Amino acid sequence: MSYWLYLPNNPPEDTQRKGLPLLVMLHGCHQTATQFAQGTRMNQWAEQMGYAVLYPQQLVSSQAQRCWKWYDRATQQGGGDVPIIVGMIDKVMTQYAIDRSRIYIAGISAGAGMANIIALNHPHLFAAVGLHSGPVFGAGHNTIGALGVMQHGAALRADAAAHEVLTRHPQFPGMPAILIQGAGDNVVRPINQLQLARQSQLLNRLSAAPKITHKPQGRGGRHNAHQLHDFYEGRKLLLRVAHIADLEHAWSGGDPALAFNAKAGPDASKMMLEFFSRHQRV
């Protein structure tokens, strides 16, 4: 499996001292790693904020549309491509000065599903996860089942899958998450975000009601109207759920010259890096 690695040219001084935070970015179906980097403009933000970014690329020989197999039961339990991607992270950590307390993973669509699986199977490795237009965790189990999840969610499997993670990892340390979803997404429908949020509340043991913020549409349609549901433990923001009006199955605030990217903000790449900057593994 190939991967691309972006390293910032002028990281901040404290980053040079402690090591670079590392973000792993997983593309969606019908995308390459380089198209994903270009469409999300993540490297520009990583340059500004001093992040290294790792882009694994799914093999066409493994899946004809380059989809990650998030619906595969063995993959969900930590097999499949999971150890390959974790191996890439280990390799990058040994070759470059990476801050091991600040490793994050994110993706869109099938890439979001896969990012979540990797984080939940290696919770001590990652400080937070970012899921854009992602399917709910722990259901599907074949290609027909996957399509059902994308359209209808996972029903009762949603809670059960989260409880299974906690059973497998009795010392589960929690997994801070930012979930971004378009209200107009007909590929991975918004029911998935609702159930991912429910899973995240269970995994992070969150019981308090969220703080809700309404953001109006920007002038000239630069930003879509959106709602943020922020779940805190004390003063620590552990779960941010961003629900964006008028956004279809595309990266919010991306480069519309590439498929699966929407010009109108909010900028999902910036939102993710700002959320990640609040979290590190201790």
C-alpha atoms as a PDB file:
ATOM      1  CA  MET A   1       0.000   0.000   0.000  1.00  0.00           C
ATOM      2  CA  SER A   2       1.371   3.428  -0.992  1.00  0.00           C
ATOM      3  CA  TYR A   3       1.272   6.529   1.157  1.00  0.00           C
ATOM      4  CA  TRP A   4       2.177  10.189   0.843  1.00  0.00           C
ATOM      5  CA  LEU A   5       3.585  12.271   3.700  1.00  0.00           C
ATOM      6  CA  TYR A   6       3.376  16.052   3.998  1.00  0.00           C
ATOM      7  CA  LEU A   7       5.844  17.800   6.308  1.00  0.00           C
ATOM      8  CA  PRO A   8       5.493  21.533   7.070  1.00  0.00           C
ATOM      9  CA  ASN A   9       8.357  23.751   5.922  1.00  0.00           C
ATOM     10  CA  ASN A  10       8.323  26.154   8.876  1.00  0.00           C
ATOM     11  CA  PRO A  11       6.842  24.449  11.937  1.00  0.00           C
ATOM     12  CA  PRO A  12       6.422  26.548  15.115  1.00  0.00           C
ATOM     13  CA  GLU A  13       9.344  26.503  17.553  1.00  0.00           C
ATOM     14  CA  ASP A  14       7.560  24.497  20.262  1.00  0.00           C
ATOM     15  CA  THR A  15       6.657  21.903  17.616  1.00  0.00           C
ATOM     16  CA  GLN A  16      10.311  21.588  16.649  1.00  0.00           C
ATOM     17  CA  ARG A  17      11.078  20.965  20.323  1.00  0.00           C
ATOM     18  CA  LYS A  18       8.281  18.470  21.105  1.00  0.00           C
ATOM     19  CA  GLY A  19       7.895  16.884  17.664  1.00  0.00           C
ATOM     20  CA  LEU A  20       5.235  17.391  15.011  1.00  0.00           C
ATOM     21  CA  PRO A  21       1.620  16.408  15.596  1.00  0.00           C
ATOM     22  CA  LEU A  22       0.611  13.828  12.970  1.00  0.00           C
ATOM     23  CA  LEU A  23      -2.735  13.678  11.162  1.00  0.00           C
ATOM     24  CA  VAL A  24      -3.645  10.536   9.180  1.00  0.00           C
ATOM     25  CA  MET A  25      -6.114  11.316   6.353  1.00  0.00           C
ATOM     26  CA  LEU A  26      -8.140   8.569   4.636  1.00  0.00           C
ATOM     27  CA  HIS A  27      -9.720   9.345   1.255  1.00  0.00           C
ATOM     28  CA  GLY A  28     -13.196   8.280   0.135  1.00  0.00           C
ATOM     29  CA  CYS A  29     -14.244   5.893  -2.655  1.00  0.00           C
ATOM     30  CA  HIS A  30     -13.273   6.971  -6.196  1.00  0.00           C
ATOM     31  CA  GLN A  31     -10.496   9.183  -4.776  1.00  0.00           C
ATOM     32  CA  THR A  32      -6.724   8.939  -4.674  1.00  0.00           C
ATOM     33  CA  ALA A  33      -4.641  10.135  -1.740  1.00  0.00           C
ATOM     34  CA  THR A  34      -3.326  13.090  -3.774  1.00  0.00           C
ATOM     35  CA  GLN A  35      -6.816  14.113  -4.921  1.00  0.00           C
ATOM     36  CA  PHE A  36      -7.935  14.011  -1.294  1.00  0.00           C
ATOM     37  CA  ALA A  37      -5.016  16.201  -0.197  1.00  0.00           C
ATOM     38  CA  GLN A  38      -5.713  18.671  -2.994  1.00  0.00           C
ATOM     39  CA  GLY A  39      -9.494  18.753  -2.542  1.00  0.00           C
ATOM     40  CA  THR A  40      -9.414  19.285   1.229  1.00  0.00           C
ATOM     41  CA  ARG A  41      -6.488  21.741   1.061  1.00  0.00           C
ATOM     42  CA  MET A  42      -5.362  20.072   4.289  1.00  0.00           C
ATOM     43  CA  ASN A  43      -1.664  20.620   3.522  1.00  0.00           C
ATOM     44  CA  GLN A  44      -2.112  24.412   3.434  1.00  0.00           C
ATOM     45  CA  TRP A  45      -3.719  24.339   6.881  1.00  0.00           C
ATOM     46  CA  ALA A  46      -1.109  21.854   8.114  1.00  0.00           C
ATOM     47  CA  GLU A  47       1.628  24.254   6.987  1.00  0.00           C
ATOM     48  CA  GLN A  48       0.012  27.109   8.924  1.00  0.00           C
ATOM     49  CA  MET A  49      -0.592  25.054  12.070  1.00  0.00           C
ATOM     50  CA  GLY A  50       2.531  22.889  11.999  1.00  0.00           C
ATOM     51  CA  TYR A  51       1.146  19.375  11.349  1.00  0.00           C
ATOM     52  CA  ALA A  52       2.603  16.416   9.485  1.00  0.00           C
ATOM     53  CA  VAL A  53      -0.072  14.695   7.355  1.00  0.00           C
ATOM     54  CA  LEU A  54      -0.006  11.050   6.261  1.00  0.00           C
ATOM     55  CA  TYR A  55      -2.185   9.960   3.319  1.00  0.00           C
ATOM     56  CA  PRO A  56      -2.491   6.167   2.843  1.00  0.00           C
ATOM     57  CA  GLN A  57      -4.001   5.075  -0.489  1.00  0.00           C
ATOM     58  CA  GLN A  58      -6.221   2.025  -0.882  1.00  0.00           C
ATOM     59  CA  LEU A  59      -5.106  -0.445  -3.558  1.00  0.00           C
ATOM     60  CA  VAL A  60      -7.292  -0.908  -6.642  1.00  0.00           C
ATOM     61  CA  SER A  61      -6.361  -4.585  -6.408  1.00  0.00           C
ATOM     62  CA  SER A  62      -7.966  -4.672  -2.949  1.00  0.00           C
ATOM     63  CA  GLN A  63     -11.109  -2.703  -3.913  1.00  0.00           C
ATOM     64  CA  ALA A  64     -11.853  -1.584  -7.474  1.00  0.00           C
ATOM     65  CA  GLN A  65     -13.202   1.864  -6.452  1.00  0.00           C
ATOM     66  CA  ARG A  66     -10.472   2.363  -3.815  1.00  0.00           C
ATOM     67  CA  CYS A  67     -13.076   2.052  -1.035  1.00  0.00           C
ATOM     68  CA  TRP A  68     -11.867   1.138   2.427  1.00  0.00           C
ATOM     69  CA  LYS A  69     -13.769  -1.939   3.679  1.00  0.00           C
ATOM     70  CA  TRP A  70     -15.304  -0.312   6.761  1.00  0.00           C
ATOM     71  CA  TYR A  71     -18.267  -2.709   6.568  1.00  0.00           C
ATOM     72  CA  ASP A  72     -16.092  -5.845   6.839  1.00  0.00           C
ATOM     73  CA  ARG A  73     -16.544  -7.560  10.213  1.00  0.00           C
ATOM     74  CA  ALA A  74     -12.881  -8.608  10.493  1.00  0.00           C
ATOM     75  CA  THR A  75     -11.768  -5.048   9.679  1.00  0.00           C
ATOM     76  CA  GLN A  76     -14.141  -3.609  12.300  1.00  0.00           C
ATOM     77  CA  GLN A  77     -12.503  -5.891  14.864  1.00  0.00           C
ATOM     78  CA  GLY A  78      -9.008  -4.649  13.989  1.00  0.00           C
ATOM     79  CA  GLY A  79      -8.010  -6.865  11.029  1.00  0.00           C
ATOM     80  CA  GLY A  80      -7.983  -6.194   7.284  1.00  0.00           C
ATOM     81  CA  ASP A  81      -6.173  -2.970   6.397  1.00  0.00           C
ATOM     82  CA  VAL A  82      -6.027  -1.767  10.026  1.00  0.00           C
ATOM     83  CA  PRO A  83      -2.587  -3.221  10.889  1.00  0.00           C
ATOM     84  CA  ILE A  84      -1.148  -2.006   7.562  1.00  0.00           C
ATOM     85  CA  ILE A  85      -2.119   1.608   8.286  1.00  0.00           C
ATOM     86  CA  VAL A  86      -0.960   1.366  11.919  1.00  0.00           C
ATOM     87  CA  GLY A  87       2.325  -0.006  10.548  1.00  0.00           C
ATOM     88  CA  MET A  88       2.664   3.074   8.316  1.00  0.00           C
ATOM     89  CA  ILE A  89       2.152   5.323  11.330  1.00  0.00           C
ATOM     90  CA  ASP A  90       4.825   3.405  13.268  1.00  0.00           C
ATOM     91  CA  LYS A  91       7.219   3.778  10.329  1.00  0.00           C
ATOM     92  CA  VAL A  92       6.648   7.535  10.082  1.00  0.00           C
ATOM     93  CA  MET A  93       7.066   7.910  13.866  1.00  0.00           C
ATOM     94  CA  THR A  94      10.459   6.167  13.744  1.00  0.00           C
ATOM     95  CA  GLN A  95      11.697   8.149  10.720  1.00  0.00           C
ATOM     96  CA  TYR A  96      10.579  11.656  11.769  1.00  0.00           C
ATOM     97  CA  ALA A  97      10.273  13.688  14.952  1.00  0.00           C
ATOM     98  CA  ILE A  98       6.583  13.062  15.731  1.00  0.00           C
ATOM     99  CA  ASP A  99       4.882  13.960  19.017  1.00  0.00           C
ATOM    100  CA  ARG A 100       3.379  10.610  20.015  1.00  0.00           C
ATOM    101  CA  SER A 101       0.843  12.277  22.286  1.00  0.00           C
ATOM    102  CA  ARG A 102      -0.673  14.163  19.318  1.00  0.00           C
ATOM    103  CA  ILE A 103      -1.649  11.645  16.640  1.00  0.00           C
ATOM    104  CA  TYR A 104      -5.051  12.099  14.969  1.00  0.00           C
ATOM    105  CA  ILE A 105      -6.967  10.315  12.238  1.00  0.00           C
ATOM    106  CA  ALA A 106      -9.684  11.616   9.903  1.00  0.00           C
ATOM    107  CA  GLY A 107     -11.468  10.781   6.669  1.00  0.00           C
ATOM    108  CA  ILE A 108     -14.497  11.241   4.459  1.00  0.00           C
ATOM    109  CA  SER A 109     -17.197   8.671   3.674  1.00  0.00           C
ATOM    110  CA  ALA A 110     -15.589   5.187   3.512  1.00  0.00           C
ATOM    111  CA  GLY A 111     -12.386   6.859   4.723  1.00  0.00           C
ATOM    112  CA  ALA A 112     -14.243   8.214   7.756  1.00  0.00           C
ATOM    113  CA  GLY A 113     -15.613   4.741   8.461  1.00  0.00           C
ATOM    114  CA  MET A 114     -12.105   3.314   8.282  1.00  0.00           C
ATOM    115  CA  ALA A 115     -10.569   6.121  10.367  1.00  0.00           C
ATOM    116  CA  ASN A 116     -13.106   5.432  13.122  1.00  0.00           C
ATOM    117  CA  ILE A 117     -12.358   1.699  13.061  1.00  0.00           C
ATOM    118  CA  ILE A 118      -8.614   2.272  13.371  1.00  0.00           C
ATOM    119  CA  ALA A 119      -9.058   4.753  16.237  1.00  0.00           C
ATOM    120  CA  LEU A 120     -11.460   2.510  18.169  1.00  0.00           C
ATOM    121  CA  ASN A 121      -9.137  -0.494  17.815  1.00  0.00           C
ATOM    122  CA  HIS A 122      -6.054   1.523  18.844  1.00  0.00           C
ATOM    123  CA  PRO A 123      -7.492   4.051  21.315  1.00  0.00           C
ATOM    124  CA  HIS A 124      -4.182   4.705  23.093  1.00  0.00           C
ATOM    125  CA  LEU A 125      -2.462   5.644  19.822  1.00  0.00           C
ATOM    126  CA  PHE A 126      -4.866   8.420  18.767  1.00  0.00           C
ATOM    127  CA  ALA A 127      -5.757  11.594  20.643  1.00  0.00           C
ATOM    128  CA  ALA A 128      -8.905  12.344  18.581  1.00  0.00           C
ATOM    129  CA  VAL A 129     -10.775  11.413  15.408  1.00  0.00           C
ATOM    130  CA  GLY A 130     -12.450  13.494  12.670  1.00  0.00           C
ATOM    131  CA  LEU A 131     -15.287  11.968  10.622  1.00  0.00           C
ATOM    132  CA  HIS A 132     -16.769  13.771   7.602  1.00  0.00           C
ATOM    133  CA  SER A 133     -19.893  12.202   6.027  1.00  0.00           C
ATOM    134  CA  GLY A 134     -19.043   8.892   7.694  1.00  0.00           C
ATOM    135  CA  PRO A 135     -21.069   5.700   8.176  1.00  0.00           C
ATOM    136  CA  VAL A 136     -21.983   4.595  11.675  1.00  0.00           C
ATOM    137  CA  PHE A 137     -19.550   2.092  13.232  1.00  0.00           C
ATOM    138  CA  GLY A 138     -20.087  -1.632  13.678  1.00  0.00           C
ATOM    139  CA  ALA A 139     -22.679  -2.667  11.071  1.00  0.00           C
ATOM    140  CA  GLY A 140     -22.980  -3.654   7.408  1.00  0.00           C
ATOM    141  CA  HIS A 141     -20.762  -6.753   7.216  1.00  0.00           C
ATOM    142  CA  ASN A 142     -21.078  -7.104   3.401  1.00  0.00           C
ATOM    143  CA  THR A 143     -21.498  -4.746   0.440  1.00  0.00           C
ATOM    144  CA  ILE A 144     -25.314  -4.982   0.464  1.00  0.00           C
ATOM    145  CA  GLY A 145     -25.377  -4.397   4.217  1.00  0.00           C
ATOM    146  CA  ALA A 146     -23.042  -1.424   3.785  1.00  0.00           C
ATOM    147  CA  LEU A 147     -25.455   0.253   1.369  1.00  0.00           C
ATOM    148  CA  GLY A 148     -28.248  -0.291   3.899  1.00  0.00           C
ATOM    149  CA  VAL A 149     -26.185   1.387   6.652  1.00  0.00           C
ATOM    150  CA  MET A 150     -25.388   4.360   4.402  1.00  0.00           C
ATOM    151  CA  GLN A 151     -29.094   4.909   3.730  1.00  0.00           C
ATOM    152  CA  HIS A 152     -30.714   3.890   7.022  1.00  0.00           C
ATOM    153  CA  GLY A 153     -28.029   3.723   9.740  1.00  0.00           C
ATOM    154  CA  ALA A 154     -27.485   0.711  11.973  1.00  0.00           C
ATOM    155  CA  ALA A 155     -30.695   0.635  14.063  1.00  0.00           C
ATOM    156  CA  LEU A 156     -30.071  -1.223  17.347  1.00  0.00           C
ATOM    157  CA  ARG A 157     -26.545  -2.215  16.259  1.00  0.00           C
ATOM    158  CA  ALA A 158     -25.353   1.348  16.912  1.00  0.00           C
ATOM    159  CA  ASP A 159     -25.465   1.114  20.713  1.00  0.00           C
ATOM    160  CA  ALA A 160     -24.448  -2.552  20.739  1.00  0.00           C
ATOM    161  CA  ALA A 161     -21.317  -1.856  18.657  1.00  0.00           C
ATOM    162  CA  ALA A 162     -20.192   0.883  21.066  1.00  0.00           C
ATOM    163  CA  HIS A 163     -20.727  -1.420  24.066  1.00  0.00           C
ATOM    164  CA  GLU A 164     -18.692  -4.149  22.319  1.00  0.00           C
ATOM    165  CA  VAL A 165     -15.754  -1.722  21.977  1.00  0.00           C
ATOM    166  CA  LEU A 166     -15.927  -0.969  25.706  1.00  0.00           C
ATOM    167  CA  THR A 167     -16.060  -4.705  26.480  1.00  0.00           C
ATOM    168  CA  ARG A 168     -13.015  -5.398  24.262  1.00  0.00           C
ATOM    169  CA  HIS A 169     -11.088  -2.486  25.828  1.00  0.00           C
ATOM    170  CA  PRO A 170     -12.040  -2.373  29.537  1.00  0.00           C
ATOM    171  CA  GLN A 171      -9.603   0.533  30.034  1.00  0.00           C
ATOM    172  CA  PHE A 172     -10.958   2.448  27.000  1.00  0.00           C
ATOM    173  CA  PRO A 173      -9.598   5.990  27.438  1.00  0.00           C
ATOM    174  CA  GLY A 174     -12.355   7.746  25.466  1.00  0.00           C
ATOM    175  CA  MET A 175     -12.015   9.068  21.913  1.00  0.00           C
ATOM    176  CA  PRO A 176     -12.673  12.778  21.332  1.00  0.00           C
ATOM    177  CA  ALA A 177     -14.461  13.233  18.004  1.00  0.00           C
ATOM    178  CA  ILE A 178     -15.553  15.895  15.548  1.00  0.00           C
ATOM    179  CA  LEU A 179     -18.402  14.729  13.282  1.00  0.00           C
ATOM    180  CA  ILE A 180     -19.196  16.785  10.163  1.00  0.00           C
ATOM    181  CA  GLN A 181     -22.230  16.008   7.994  1.00  0.00           C
ATOM    182  CA  GLY A 182     -24.194  17.628   5.193  1.00  0.00           C
ATOM    183  CA  ALA A 183     -27.956  17.811   5.675  1.00  0.00           C
ATOM    184  CA  GLY A 184     -28.392  17.194   1.928  1.00  0.00           C
ATOM    185  CA  ASP A 185     -26.197  14.072   1.794  1.00  0.00           C
ATOM    186  CA  ASN A 186     -28.101  11.277   0.013  1.00  0.00           C
ATOM    187  CA  VAL A 187     -25.078   8.938  -0.181  1.00  0.00           C
ATOM    188  CA  VAL A 188     -24.345   8.630   3.552  1.00  0.00           C
ATOM    189  CA  ARG A 189     -27.517  10.004   5.073  1.00  0.00           C
ATOM    190  CA  PRO A 190     -27.605  12.158   8.241  1.00  0.00           C
ATOM    191  CA  ILE A 191     -29.019   9.275  10.349  1.00  0.00           C
ATOM    192  CA  ASN A 192     -25.413   8.050  10.409  1.00  0.00           C
ATOM    193  CA  GLN A 193     -24.197  11.217  12.105  1.00  0.00           C
ATOM    194  CA  LEU A 194     -26.955  10.950  14.720  1.00  0.00           C
ATOM    195  CA  GLN A 195     -25.897   7.384  15.529  1.00  0.00           C
ATOM    196  CA  LEU A 196     -22.158   8.214  15.455  1.00  0.00           C
ATOM    197  CA  ALA A 197     -22.870  10.990  17.954  1.00  0.00           C
ATOM    198  CA  ARG A 198     -24.749   8.530  20.158  1.00  0.00           C
ATOM    199  CA  GLN A 199     -21.822   6.071  19.962  1.00  0.00           C
ATOM    200  CA  SER A 200     -19.371   8.844  20.820  1.00  0.00           C
ATOM    201  CA  GLN A 201     -21.432   9.857  23.848  1.00  0.00           C
ATOM    202  CA  LEU A 202     -21.275   6.261  25.081  1.00  0.00           C
ATOM    203  CA  LEU A 203     -17.541   5.848  24.339  1.00  0.00           C
ATOM    204  CA  ASN A 204     -16.683   9.160  26.027  1.00  0.00           C
ATOM    205  CA  ARG A 205     -19.163   8.600  28.883  1.00  0.00           C
ATOM    206  CA  LEU A 206     -20.909  11.901  28.186  1.00  0.00           C
ATOM    207  CA  SER A 207     -24.192  12.515  29.964  1.00  0.00           C
ATOM    208  CA  ALA A 208     -24.636  16.314  29.949  1.00  0.00           C
ATOM    209  CA  ALA A 209     -26.783  18.035  27.323  1.00  0.00           C
ATOM    210  CA  PRO A 210     -24.858  19.702  24.478  1.00  0.00           C
ATOM    211  CA  LYS A 211     -24.218  23.407  24.025  1.00  0.00           C
ATOM    212  CA  ILE A 212     -25.937  24.326  20.733  1.00  0.00           C
ATOM    213  CA  THR A 213     -24.676  27.103  18.452  1.00  0.00           C
ATOM    214  CA  HIS A 214     -26.489  28.273  15.305  1.00  0.00           C
ATOM    215  CA  LYS A 215     -24.290  29.780  12.592  1.00  0.00           C
ATOM    216  CA  PRO A 216     -26.170  31.679   9.861  1.00  0.00           C
ATOM    217  CA  GLN A 217     -25.366  31.506   6.171  1.00  0.00           C
ATOM    218  CA  GLY A 218     -22.437  33.720   5.158  1.00  0.00           C
ATOM    219  CA  ARG A 219     -22.757  36.609   2.721  1.00  0.00           C
ATOM    220  CA  GLY A 220     -22.855  35.554  -0.914  1.00  0.00           C
ATOM    221  CA  GLY A 221     -23.215  31.915   0.140  1.00  0.00           C
ATOM    222  CA  ARG A 222     -19.579  31.686   1.231  1.00  0.00           C
ATOM    223  CA  HIS A 223     -20.638  29.647   4.254  1.00  0.00           C
ATOM    224  CA  ASN A 224     -23.637  27.388   4.568  1.00  0.00           C
ATOM    225  CA  ALA A 225     -25.767  27.790   7.667  1.00  0.00           C
ATOM    226  CA  HIS A 226     -24.832  25.143  10.228  1.00  0.00           C
ATOM    227  CA  GLN A 227     -25.436  23.982  13.769  1.00  0.00           C
ATOM    228  CA  LEU A 228     -22.789  22.911  16.270  1.00  0.00           C
ATOM    229  CA  HIS A 229     -23.682  20.565  19.114  1.00  0.00           C
ATOM    230  CA  ASP A 230     -20.787  20.619  21.589  1.00  0.00           C
ATOM    231  CA  PHE A 231     -20.567  18.012  24.343  1.00  0.00           C
ATOM    232  CA  TYR A 232     -18.301  18.803  27.279  1.00  0.00           C
ATOM    233  CA  GLU A 233     -16.894  16.963  30.243  1.00  0.00           C
ATOM    234  CA  GLY A 234     -16.353  19.821  32.662  1.00  0.00           C
ATOM    235  CA  ARG A 235     -14.639  22.453  30.497  1.00  0.00           C
ATOM    236  CA  LYS A 236     -13.174  19.957  28.027  1.00  0.00           C
ATOM    237  CA  LEU A 237     -14.840  19.707  24.620  1.00  0.00           C
ATOM    238  CA  LEU A 238     -14.949  15.976  23.809  1.00  0.00           C
ATOM    239  CA  LEU A 239     -17.506  15.810  20.998  1.00  0.00           C
ATOM    240  CA  ARG A 240     -18.403  18.376  18.342  1.00  0.00           C
ATOM    241  CA  VAL A 241     -21.257  17.551  15.958  1.00  0.00           C
ATOM    242  CA  ALA A 242     -21.452  19.920  12.963  1.00  0.00           C
ATOM    243  CA  HIS A 243     -24.603  19.619  10.850  1.00  0.00           C
ATOM    244  CA  ILE A 244     -24.368  21.730   7.686  1.00  0.00           C
ATOM    245  CA  ALA A 245     -27.383  22.904   5.684  1.00  0.00           C
ATOM    246  CA  ASP A 246     -27.335  22.529   1.888  1.00  0.00           C
ATOM    247  CA  LEU A 247     -24.169  20.385   1.901  1.00  0.00           C
ATOM    248  CA  GLU A 248     -24.310  17.161  -0.097  1.00  0.00           C
ATOM    249  CA  HIS A 249     -21.782  14.286  -0.067  1.00  0.00           C
ATOM    250  CA  ALA A 250     -18.699  16.499  -0.233  1.00  0.00           C
ATOM    251  CA  TRP A 251     -15.908  17.986   1.902  1.00  0.00           C
ATOM    252  CA  SER A 252     -17.141  21.307   3.272  1.00  0.00           C
ATOM    253  CA  GLY A 253     -15.043  24.285   2.133  1.00  0.00           C
ATOM    254  CA  GLY A 254     -12.936  22.185  -0.250  1.00  0.00           C
ATOM    255  CA  ASP A 255     -11.677  22.754  -3.791  1.00  0.00           C
ATOM    256  CA  PRO A 256     -14.706  22.306  -6.099  1.00  0.00           C
ATOM    257  CA  ALA A 257     -12.411  21.584  -9.058  1.00  0.00           C
ATOM    258  CA  LEU A 258     -12.181  18.053  -7.626  1.00  0.00           C
ATOM    259  CA  ALA A 259     -15.099  15.669  -7.090  1.00  0.00           C
ATOM    260  CA  PHE A 260     -16.504  15.279  -3.558  1.00  0.00           C
ATOM    261  CA  ASN A 261     -15.560  18.841  -2.543  1.00  0.00           C
ATOM    262  CA  ALA A 262     -17.956  21.747  -1.943  1.00  0.00           C
ATOM    263  CA  LYS A 263     -16.787  25.347  -2.289  1.00  0.00           C
ATOM    264  CA  ALA A 264     -19.042  26.808   0.405  1.00  0.00           C
ATOM    265  CA  GLY A 265     -17.737  26.639   3.974  1.00  0.00           C
ATOM    266  CA  PRO A 266     -17.424  26.163   6.853  1.00  0.00           C
ATOM    267  CA  ASP A 267     -13.908  24.874   6.148  1.00  0.00           C
ATOM    268  CA  ALA A 268     -13.880  21.285   7.425  1.00  0.00           C
ATOM    269  CA  SER A 269     -10.063  21.048   7.351  1.00  0.00           C
ATOM    270  CA  LYS A 270      -9.677  24.098   9.582  1.00  0.00           C
ATOM    271  CA  MET A 271     -12.439  22.881  11.905  1.00  0.00           C
ATOM    272  CA  MET A 272     -10.752  19.513  12.334  1.00  0.00           C
ATOM    273  CA  LEU A 273      -7.286  20.908  13.056  1.00  0.00           C
ATOM    274  CA  GLU A 274      -8.697  23.414  15.545  1.00  0.00           C
ATOM    275  CA  PHE A 275     -10.559  20.598  17.319  1.00  0.00           C
ATOM    276  CA  PHE A 276      -7.474  18.338  17.317  1.00  0.00           C
ATOM    277  CA  SER A 277      -5.335  21.122  18.796  1.00  0.00           C
ATOM    278  CA  ARG A 278      -7.405  20.821  22.012  1.00  0.00           C
ATOM    279  CA  HIS A 279      -6.496  17.154  22.530  1.00  0.00           C
ATOM    280  CA  GLN A 280      -3.484  15.029  23.316  1.00  0.00           C
ATOM    281  CA  ARG A 281      -3.007  11.568  24.782  1.00  0.00           C
ATOM    282  CA  VAL A 282      -1.496  11.539  28.248  1.00  0.00           C
END
